[in-house]
Amino acid sequence: MSMKMHVAEGKPGQLATTHQHYFIERPCRILVIGQHLKAKTKYQCLLRHISIAGAMLDFNAAIPLPKHFFLEIEGFKEEIGCSQVHREGTELGVRFNMLLSPDFLRRLIRIQFSSGAL
């Protein structure tokens, strides 16, 4: 699994930063937004690893996606705005439109750990 979500191009004059990532396997859904900001389509995928800035997902390579969509992680009600930055085969790298809060990431890791999956 590559780490290309962490090498997305920055804005001119912006320093490159890297974020600690965590290997987590958790079901999630991609929400594609249609007209009038209504959820048009939901697709199942699998979260493979995550940082506060982005994630790597396993997703069906045959399904086309727009550049921007929302991500719902199972067990959380938040819809996370994402931009696609890498796609190769079933590997889908996304950058979050806003950094995740450290508290959200801690809750996700705690749930993963308590389920015995780490």
Protein backbone atom coordinates (compact mmCIF):
# COMPACT_ATOMS: atom_id res chain seq x y z
CA MET A 1 0.00 0.00 0.00
CA SER A 2 1.55 3.30 -1.04
CA MET A 3 1.62 6.52 0.92
CA LYS A 4 0.76 8.81 -1.98
CA MET A 5 -1.95 10.56 0.03
CA HIS A 6 0.91 12.21 1.94
CA VAL A 7 2.76 13.50 -1.12
CA ALA A 8 -0.07 15.49 -2.64
CA GLU A 9 1.20 18.73 -4.12
CA GLY A 10 1.04 21.74 -1.83
CA LYS A 11 0.29 25.31 -2.72
CA PRO A 12 3.18 27.46 -4.01
CA GLY A 13 5.24 28.81 -1.12
CA GLN A 14 3.74 26.33 1.33
CA LEU A 15 6.07 24.09 3.31
CA ALA A 16 5.57 20.36 2.82
CA THR A 17 4.37 18.57 5.94
CA THR A 18 3.89 14.94 6.74
CA HIS A 19 1.43 13.52 9.22
CA GLN A 20 1.60 10.36 11.27
CA HIS A 21 -0.64 7.74 9.75
CA TYR A 22 -2.38 4.76 11.32
CA PHE A 23 -3.17 1.41 9.71
CA ILE A 24 -6.85 0.80 10.29
CA GLU A 25 -9.21 -1.52 8.49
CA ARG A 26 -12.73 -0.19 8.78
CA PRO A 27 -15.73 -0.26 6.44
CA CYS A 28 -16.79 3.12 5.12
CA ARG A 29 -18.94 4.71 2.42
CA ILE A 30 -18.22 7.24 -0.29
CA LEU A 31 -21.06 9.72 -0.79
CA VAL A 32 -21.27 11.36 -4.19
CA ILE A 33 -23.31 14.56 -4.04
CA GLY A 34 -25.88 15.32 -6.71
CA GLN A 35 -27.97 18.38 -7.49
CA HIS A 36 -29.24 20.55 -4.64
CA LEU A 37 -26.60 19.03 -2.31
CA LYS A 38 -28.47 15.73 -1.96
CA ALA A 39 -26.61 12.45 -1.66
CA LYS A 40 -26.76 11.00 -5.15
CA THR A 41 -24.97 7.69 -4.68
CA LYS A 42 -23.31 5.74 -1.86
CA TYR A 43 -20.50 3.26 -2.50
CA GLN A 44 -18.98 0.80 -0.04
CA CYS A 45 -15.21 0.87 0.46
CA LEU A 46 -12.61 -0.10 3.03
CA LEU A 47 -10.44 2.33 4.98
CA ARG A 48 -6.85 1.00 5.01
CA HIS A 49 -4.95 3.79 6.75
CA ILE A 50 -5.58 7.33 7.86
CA SER A 51 -3.90 10.51 9.10
CA ILE A 52 -5.37 13.86 10.09
CA ALA A 53 -4.82 15.01 6.48
CA GLY A 54 -5.92 12.07 4.33
CA ALA A 55 -6.61 8.38 3.93
CA MET A 56 -6.02 5.40 1.69
CA LEU A 57 -9.08 3.38 0.70
CA ASP A 58 -9.74 0.14 -1.13
CA PHE A 59 -12.39 0.90 -3.73
CA ASN A 60 -13.76 -0.75 -6.86
CA ALA A 61 -11.54 0.35 -9.75
CA ALA A 62 -14.40 0.06 -12.26
CA ILE A 63 -16.54 2.76 -10.60
CA PRO A 64 -15.82 6.32 -11.75
CA LEU A 65 -15.72 9.01 -9.06
CA PRO A 66 -15.74 12.80 -9.16
CA LYS A 67 -12.69 14.61 -7.78
CA HIS A 68 -14.63 15.71 -4.65
CA PHE A 69 -16.95 13.64 -2.45
CA PHE A 70 -17.71 12.82 1.19
CA LEU A 71 -16.51 9.88 3.28
CA GLU A 72 -18.49 8.25 6.12
CA ILE A 73 -16.57 5.91 8.41
CA GLU A 74 -18.64 3.14 9.99
CA GLY A 75 -19.48 3.99 13.60
CA PHE A 76 -19.21 7.77 13.08
CA LYS A 77 -21.88 10.20 11.96
CA GLU A 78 -19.44 12.73 10.47
CA GLU A 79 -19.27 13.21 6.71
CA ILE A 80 -15.69 14.09 5.80
CA GLY A 81 -15.12 16.20 2.71
CA CYS A 82 -12.43 14.62 0.48
CA SER A 83 -10.52 15.26 -2.71
CA GLN A 84 -9.14 12.40 -4.77
CA VAL A 85 -5.34 12.70 -5.12
CA HIS A 86 -4.30 9.22 -6.23
CA ARG A 87 -6.01 6.27 -7.89
CA GLU A 88 -4.32 3.12 -9.09
CA GLY A 89 -6.23 -0.14 -9.35
CA THR A 90 -8.29 -0.52 -6.19
CA GLU A 91 -6.08 1.95 -4.30
CA LEU A 92 -7.75 5.34 -3.76
CA GLY A 93 -5.80 8.08 -1.96
CA VAL A 94 -7.77 11.03 -0.63
CA ARG A 95 -6.87 14.30 1.02
CA PHE A 96 -9.35 15.70 3.51
CA ASN A 97 -10.66 19.18 2.74
CA MET A 98 -10.02 20.09 6.41
CA LEU A 99 -7.64 18.43 8.85
CA LEU A 100 -9.38 15.93 11.13
CA SER A 101 -9.44 16.82 14.79
CA PRO A 102 -6.98 14.82 16.90
CA ASP A 103 -9.95 13.81 19.09
CA PHE A 104 -11.74 12.22 16.11
CA LEU A 105 -8.60 10.28 15.19
CA ARG A 106 -8.16 9.13 18.82
CA ARG A 107 -11.78 7.88 18.94
CA LEU A 108 -11.27 5.98 15.67
CA ILE A 109 -8.06 4.35 16.92
CA ARG A 110 -9.69 3.51 20.28
CA ILE A 111 -12.66 1.82 18.54
CA GLN A 112 -10.29 -0.11 16.27
CA PHE A 113 -8.16 -1.20 19.24
CA SER A 114 -11.14 -2.23 21.39
CA SER A 115 -12.47 -4.37 18.53
CA GLY A 116 -9.19 -6.31 18.60
CA ALA A 117 -8.34 -5.46 14.99
CA LEU A 118 -4.99 -3.74 15.69
